[in-house]
């Protein structure tokens, strides 16, 4: 009887140990399955996001803007905290020059509390581009009108004549010579439209040497030691097309602003020039403090062929 009782106890202990073992394994198996399911769901979600973004890009390339926005919205709804989704969509809108839509996407990211500080910076850059384009499209200057009238007068001078030697006449030779001019400007923005490059600028007045000191004194500044002095003219705003072969000679203090005080001009390409101008505008603003985006621009028949920065010191 006592032997049977001991055996019962051993059997009971064995059953308990087996139950614990089974329970532990089952719990571990459940965790493994759950982890796998989470990873599969995350992968599936990312695939769906990319699929919707790809669809939106195709719609945008085809000019189907409403359909594109619908696809982009579907991508965002799948994960409203996915920073990469907003940036990818914004970049595509910028590529297509759809600045208002790019703003809308960034504002949605801010509303959803996604990397707010960085999104606000990106939004400020896009809004600057919008403002610059509006200024450029609304500008009608006297110089534009004079240029148009000058073209009309040249057309009248060059009307066909019965003179067989008309093409060798003084007027004909004079009108075939390129018109080279130079201007001092404060560049507000650099942008592209319809495949062409443009600068948006104000025609500030610059005084050099003795004239600089004299003008500064007229303005109430008695101790002016710089070699140049300029007066802002924020209301004379215009834009010029930039030649594809334009050369850029930019001060090191602009290229690496605000990291260096290098006053030497360096030959750079268009991309470096554009980034430098935009960076300075974003950091300093256009009107609030003394600008450093001061340049001499050389034009050939109204198109910018050379840009040289002017050291304000």
Protein backbone atom coordinates (compact mmCIF):
# COMPACT_ATOMS: atom_id res chain seq x y z
CA UNK A 1 0.00 0.00 0.00
CA UNK A 2 2.82 2.38 0.92
CA UNK A 3 4.66 1.42 -2.29
CA UNK A 4 1.58 2.26 -4.36
CA UNK A 5 1.31 5.69 -2.68
CA UNK A 6 4.93 6.48 -3.57
CA UNK A 7 4.36 5.47 -7.17
CA UNK A 8 1.29 7.71 -7.35
CA UNK A 9 3.32 10.64 -6.13
CA UNK A 10 6.05 9.99 -8.69
CA UNK A 11 3.50 9.76 -11.48
CA UNK A 12 1.87 13.00 -10.30
CA UNK A 13 5.24 14.82 -10.25
CA UNK A 14 6.03 13.55 -13.73
CA UNK A 15 2.67 14.80 -15.03
CA UNK A 16 3.24 18.24 -13.47
CA UNK A 17 6.73 18.50 -14.96
CA UNK A 18 5.42 17.49 -18.38
CA UNK A 19 2.63 20.06 -18.16
CA UNK A 20 5.08 22.81 -17.28
CA UNK A 21 7.32 21.78 -20.16
CA UNK A 22 4.43 21.76 -22.62
CA UNK A 23 3.14 25.11 -21.35
CA UNK A 24 6.59 26.71 -21.64
CA UNK A 25 7.14 25.45 -25.15
CA UNK A 26 3.68 26.56 -26.23
CA UNK A 27 4.26 30.07 -24.86
CA UNK A 28 7.61 30.29 -26.62
CA UNK A 29 6.10 29.00 -29.85
CA UNK A 30 3.35 31.61 -29.58
CA UNK A 31 5.93 34.37 -29.17
CA UNK A 32 7.83 33.14 -32.21
CA UNK A 33 4.67 32.99 -34.32
CA UNK A 34 3.61 36.45 -33.11
CA UNK A 35 7.01 37.95 -33.99
CA UNK A 36 6.88 36.42 -37.45
CA UNK A 37 3.37 37.76 -37.99
CA UNK A 38 4.43 41.28 -36.98
CA UNK A 39 7.36 41.21 -39.39
CA UNK A 40 5.18 39.89 -42.21
CA UNK A 41 2.56 42.57 -41.55
CA UNK A 42 5.21 45.31 -41.52
CA UNK A 43 6.71 44.08 -44.78
CA UNK A 44 3.27 43.88 -46.36
CA UNK A 45 2.47 47.43 -45.21
CA UNK A 46 5.73 48.83 -46.64
CA UNK A 47 5.06 47.05 -49.92
CA UNK A 48 1.59 48.60 -50.08
CA UNK A 49 3.00 52.05 -49.30
CA UNK A 50 5.58 51.76 -52.08
CA UNK A 51 2.94 50.43 -54.46
CA UNK A 52 0.69 53.43 -53.81
CA UNK A 53 3.57 55.89 -54.15
CA UNK A 54 4.60 54.27 -57.45
CA UNK A 55 1.01 54.55 -58.68
CA UNK A 56 0.90 58.19 -57.63
CA UNK A 57 4.16 58.91 -59.47
CA UNK A 58 2.82 57.35 -62.65
CA UNK A 59 -0.39 59.37 -62.39
CA UNK A 60 1.58 62.56 -61.81
CA UNK A 61 3.84 61.86 -64.81
CA UNK A 62 0.68 61.42 -66.88
CA UNK A 63 -0.79 64.72 -65.72
CA UNK A 64 -3.56 63.02 -63.72
CA UNK A 65 -3.13 65.15 -60.61
CA UNK A 66 -6.30 64.15 -58.73
CA UNK A 67 -5.57 60.46 -59.17
CA UNK A 68 -1.98 61.01 -58.07
CA UNK A 69 -3.06 62.73 -54.87
CA UNK A 70 -5.54 59.94 -54.14
CA UNK A 71 -2.78 57.33 -54.43
CA UNK A 72 -0.42 59.40 -52.26
CA UNK A 73 -3.11 59.81 -49.60
CA UNK A 74 -3.58 56.04 -49.55
CA UNK A 75 0.16 55.60 -48.96
CA UNK A 76 0.13 58.08 -46.07
CA UNK A 77 -2.92 56.49 -44.42
CA UNK A 78 -1.10 53.15 -44.20
CA UNK A 79 1.45 54.72 -41.83
CA UNK A 80 0.97 58.36 -40.89
CA UNK A 81 4.26 58.39 -38.96
CA UNK A 82 6.45 57.26 -41.86
CA UNK A 83 8.77 60.22 -42.55
CA UNK A 84 10.16 58.70 -45.75
CA UNK A 85 6.69 58.63 -47.32
CA UNK A 86 6.18 62.38 -46.96
CA UNK A 87 9.69 63.23 -48.19
CA UNK A 88 9.38 60.93 -51.23
CA UNK A 89 6.05 62.46 -52.25
CA UNK A 90 7.29 66.02 -51.65
CA UNK A 91 10.35 65.42 -53.84
CA UNK A 92 8.18 64.11 -56.66
CA UNK A 93 5.95 67.18 -56.50
CA UNK A 94 9.03 69.44 -56.55
CA UNK A 95 10.36 67.52 -59.56
CA UNK A 96 7.13 68.37 -61.37
CA UNK A 97 7.18 72.00 -60.13
CA UNK A 98 3.95 71.41 -58.18
CA UNK A 99 5.00 73.62 -55.28
CA UNK A 100 1.55 74.06 -53.70
CA UNK A 101 1.11 70.29 -53.53
CA UNK A 102 4.57 69.89 -52.02
CA UNK A 103 3.57 72.42 -49.33
CA UNK A 104 0.37 70.50 -48.64
CA UNK A 105 2.27 67.24 -48.08
CA UNK A 106 4.74 68.87 -45.69
CA UNK A 107 1.92 70.57 -43.78
CA UNK A 108 0.21 67.19 -43.40
CA UNK A 109 3.44 65.73 -41.99
CA UNK A 110 3.60 68.59 -39.47
CA UNK A 111 -0.04 68.05 -38.51
CA UNK A 112 0.75 64.38 -37.90
CA UNK A 113 3.71 65.36 -35.70
CA UNK A 114 6.33 63.79 -37.98
CA UNK A 115 9.85 65.25 -37.59
CA UNK A 116 8.24 68.66 -37.16
CA UNK A 117 11.41 70.77 -36.96
CA UNK A 118 12.85 69.40 -40.20
CA UNK A 119 9.49 69.49 -42.01
CA UNK A 120 9.08 73.16 -41.10
CA UNK A 121 12.49 73.93 -42.61
CA UNK A 122 11.57 72.12 -45.83
CA UNK A 123 8.24 73.93 -45.90
CA UNK A 124 9.95 77.32 -45.55
CA UNK A 125 12.20 76.53 -48.54
CA UNK A 126 9.23 75.57 -50.74
CA UNK A 127 7.25 78.66 -49.70
CA UNK A 128 10.27 80.81 -50.59
CA UNK A 129 10.26 79.30 -54.07
CA UNK A 130 6.52 80.00 -54.40
CA UNK A 131 6.99 83.64 -53.38
CA UNK A 132 9.90 84.03 -55.79
CA UNK A 133 7.92 82.66 -58.71
CA UNK A 134 5.01 84.99 -57.93
CA UNK A 135 7.34 87.98 -57.82
CA UNK A 136 8.95 86.96 -61.09
CA UNK A 137 5.63 86.46 -62.88
CA UNK A 138 4.23 89.79 -61.66
CA UNK A 139 7.27 91.88 -62.53
CA UNK A 140 6.81 94.31 -65.42
CA UNK A 141 9.67 96.77 -65.56
CA UNK A 142 10.37 99.72 -67.81
CA UNK A 143 13.42 97.89 -69.06
CA UNK A 144 11.25 95.04 -70.33
CA UNK A 145 9.09 97.52 -72.25
CA UNK A 146 12.14 99.35 -73.63
CA UNK A 147 13.63 96.07 -74.74
CA UNK A 148 10.42 95.15 -76.58
CA UNK A 149 10.27 98.58 -78.25
CA UNK A 150 13.92 98.27 -79.21
CA UNK A 151 13.26 94.93 -80.90
CA UNK A 152 10.38 96.48 -82.86
CA UNK A 153 12.59 99.38 -83.99
CA UNK A 154 15.33 96.98 -85.08
CA UNK A 155 12.78 95.01 -87.07
CA UNK A 156 11.73 98.21 -88.87
CA UNK A 157 15.35 99.11 -89.64
CA UNK A 158 16.04 95.65 -91.03
CA UNK A 159 13.06 95.42 -93.38
CA UNK A 160 14.07 94.00 -96.79
CA UNK A 161 15.21 96.60 -99.34
CA UNK A 162 15.84 96.48 -103.05
CA UNK A 163 19.53 97.29 -102.46
CA UNK A 164 21.54 94.20 -103.31
CA UNK A 165 24.21 95.30 -100.84
CA UNK A 166 21.78 96.01 -97.97
CA UNK A 167 23.16 93.16 -95.86
CA UNK A 168 26.54 94.89 -95.88
CA UNK A 169 25.19 98.30 -94.88
CA UNK A 170 26.36 99.95 -91.60
CA UNK A 171 22.94 99.44 -90.00
CA UNK A 172 22.97 95.74 -90.80
CA UNK A 173 26.45 95.25 -89.36
CA UNK A 174 25.61 97.25 -86.23
CA UNK A 175 22.47 95.24 -85.49
CA UNK A 176 24.25 91.89 -85.70
CA UNK A 177 26.68 92.83 -82.91
CA UNK A 178 25.75 91.31 -79.53
CA UNK A 179 24.71 93.80 -76.86
CA UNK A 180 26.87 93.39 -73.74
CA UNK A 181 25.73 95.07 -70.53
CA UNK A 182 26.62 94.80 -66.86
CA UNK A 183 24.44 95.33 -63.78
CA UNK A 184 24.83 95.32 -60.01
CA UNK A 185 22.10 93.26 -58.33
CA UNK A 186 21.08 91.59 -55.09
CA UNK A 187 19.96 88.07 -55.98
CA UNK A 188 16.83 86.91 -54.14
CA UNK A 189 16.38 83.47 -55.67
CA UNK A 190 17.51 81.03 -58.36
CA UNK A 191 14.88 78.87 -60.02
CA UNK A 192 14.05 76.85 -63.13
CA UNK A 193 11.01 77.10 -65.37
CA UNK A 194 10.18 75.30 -68.61
CA UNK A 195 13.69 73.87 -68.75
CA UNK A 196 15.40 77.27 -68.40
CA UNK A 197 17.34 78.77 -65.49
CA UNK A 198 16.54 82.18 -64.02
CA UNK A 199 17.71 84.55 -61.30
CA UNK A 200 15.29 86.80 -59.41
CA UNK A 201 16.91 89.99 -58.16
CA UNK A 202 16.64 93.59 -56.97
CA UNK A 203 18.61 96.35 -58.71
CA UNK A 204 20.36 97.92 -55.75
CA UNK A 205 22.51 101.03 -56.23
CA UNK A 206 26.25 100.59 -55.62
CA UNK A 207 28.85 103.28 -55.05
CA UNK A 208 32.59 102.59 -55.27
CA UNK A 209 35.69 104.35 -53.92
CA UNK A 210 35.23 108.02 -53.05
CA UNK A 211 31.60 107.89 -54.17
CA UNK A 212 30.96 105.24 -51.54
CA UNK A 213 32.12 107.50 -48.71
CA UNK A 214 30.29 110.50 -50.16
CA UNK A 215 26.97 108.66 -50.46
CA UNK A 216 27.34 107.12 -47.01
CA UNK A 217 27.88 110.61 -45.60
CA UNK A 218 24.69 111.81 -47.36
CA UNK A 219 22.88 108.98 -45.62
CA UNK A 220 24.20 110.13 -42.25
CA UNK A 221 27.12 107.70 -41.96
CA UNK A 222 30.27 109.75 -41.39
CA UNK A 223 32.79 106.97 -40.79
CA UNK A 224 32.47 104.67 -43.80
CA UNK A 225 35.72 102.77 -44.44
CA UNK A 226 34.60 100.14 -46.95
CA UNK A 227 35.47 100.48 -50.63
CA UNK A 228 31.84 100.02 -51.64
CA UNK A 229 28.51 101.28 -50.40
CA UNK A 230 25.11 100.19 -51.64
CA UNK A 231 21.53 101.32 -51.17
CA UNK A 232 18.74 98.74 -51.20
CA UNK A 233 16.05 99.08 -53.84
CA UNK A 234 13.53 96.35 -52.97
CA UNK A 235 10.90 97.65 -55.39
CA UNK A 236 12.91 97.31 -58.60
CA UNK A 237 12.53 93.53 -58.89
CA UNK A 238 13.16 91.62 -62.10
CA UNK A 239 14.36 88.30 -63.44
CA UNK A 240 16.78 87.28 -66.16
CA UNK A 241 17.33 84.03 -67.98
CA UNK A 242 20.72 82.42 -67.24
CA UNK A 243 22.67 80.98 -70.15
CA UNK A 244 23.53 77.28 -70.00
CA UNK A 245 27.15 78.31 -70.58
CA UNK A 246 27.13 81.01 -67.87
CA UNK A 247 30.26 81.23 -65.70
CA UNK A 248 30.05 81.76 -61.94
CA UNK A 249 32.77 83.36 -59.79
CA UNK A 250 31.56 83.28 -56.20
CA UNK A 251 33.21 84.36 -52.95
CA UNK A 252 34.22 81.60 -50.57
CA UNK A 253 32.26 83.31 -47.79
CA UNK A 254 29.08 82.75 -49.84
CA UNK A 255 29.86 79.19 -50.96
CA UNK A 256 30.53 77.99 -47.41
CA UNK A 257 28.35 80.47 -45.53
CA UNK A 258 28.57 80.94 -42.59
CA UNK A 259 31.58 78.66 -41.99
CA UNK A 260 34.33 80.77 -43.58
CA UNK A 261 35.46 84.38 -44.09
CA UNK A 262 37.23 83.61 -47.40
CA UNK A 263 36.83 86.76 -49.56
CA UNK A 264 38.36 85.20 -52.70
CA UNK A 265 36.10 84.49 -55.68
CA UNK A 266 36.08 80.87 -56.86
CA UNK A 267 34.91 79.45 -60.19
CA UNK A 268 31.98 77.10 -59.50
CA UNK A 269 29.28 75.29 -61.43
CA UNK A 270 25.59 76.18 -61.55
CA UNK A 271 24.54 73.70 -58.85
CA UNK A 272 27.02 75.14 -56.34
CA UNK A 273 25.93 78.69 -57.20
CA UNK A 274 22.24 77.82 -56.75
CA UNK A 275 22.76 76.05 -53.41
CA UNK A 276 24.92 78.93 -52.13
CA UNK A 277 22.34 81.60 -52.99
CA UNK A 278 19.42 79.64 -51.51
CA UNK A 279 21.40 78.82 -48.36
CA UNK A 280 22.26 82.48 -47.71
CA UNK A 281 18.65 83.58 -48.29
CA UNK A 282 17.32 80.88 -45.95
CA UNK A 283 19.80 81.74 -43.18
CA UNK A 284 19.78 85.54 -43.44
CA UNK A 285 16.55 86.46 -45.20
CA UNK A 286 16.15 88.86 -48.13
CA UNK A 287 15.50 92.17 -46.41
CA UNK A 288 15.90 91.88 -42.63
CA UNK A 289 19.68 92.35 -42.36
CA UNK A 290 22.57 93.45 -44.52
CA UNK A 291 22.61 90.98 -47.44
CA UNK A 292 25.68 89.33 -48.91
CA UNK A 293 24.06 88.00 -52.11
CA UNK A 294 25.51 90.95 -54.06
CA UNK A 295 26.66 90.33 -57.63
CA UNK A 296 27.76 91.87 -60.88
CA UNK A 297 25.94 90.16 -63.73
CA UNK A 298 27.08 90.36 -67.34
CA UNK A 299 24.39 90.07 -69.99
CA UNK A 300 24.64 89.25 -73.66
CA UNK A 301 21.50 90.24 -75.54
CA UNK A 302 19.54 90.20 -72.28
CA UNK A 303 20.74 86.75 -71.12
CA UNK A 304 23.10 86.32 -68.16
CA UNK A 305 26.46 84.93 -69.31
CA UNK A 306 28.61 85.70 -66.24
CA UNK A 307 27.98 86.22 -62.51
CA UNK A 308 30.62 87.61 -60.14
CA UNK A 309 30.02 88.16 -56.43
CA UNK A 310 30.77 91.61 -54.99
CA UNK A 311 32.39 91.63 -51.57
CA UNK A 312 30.32 94.04 -49.50
CA UNK A 313 33.38 94.88 -47.41
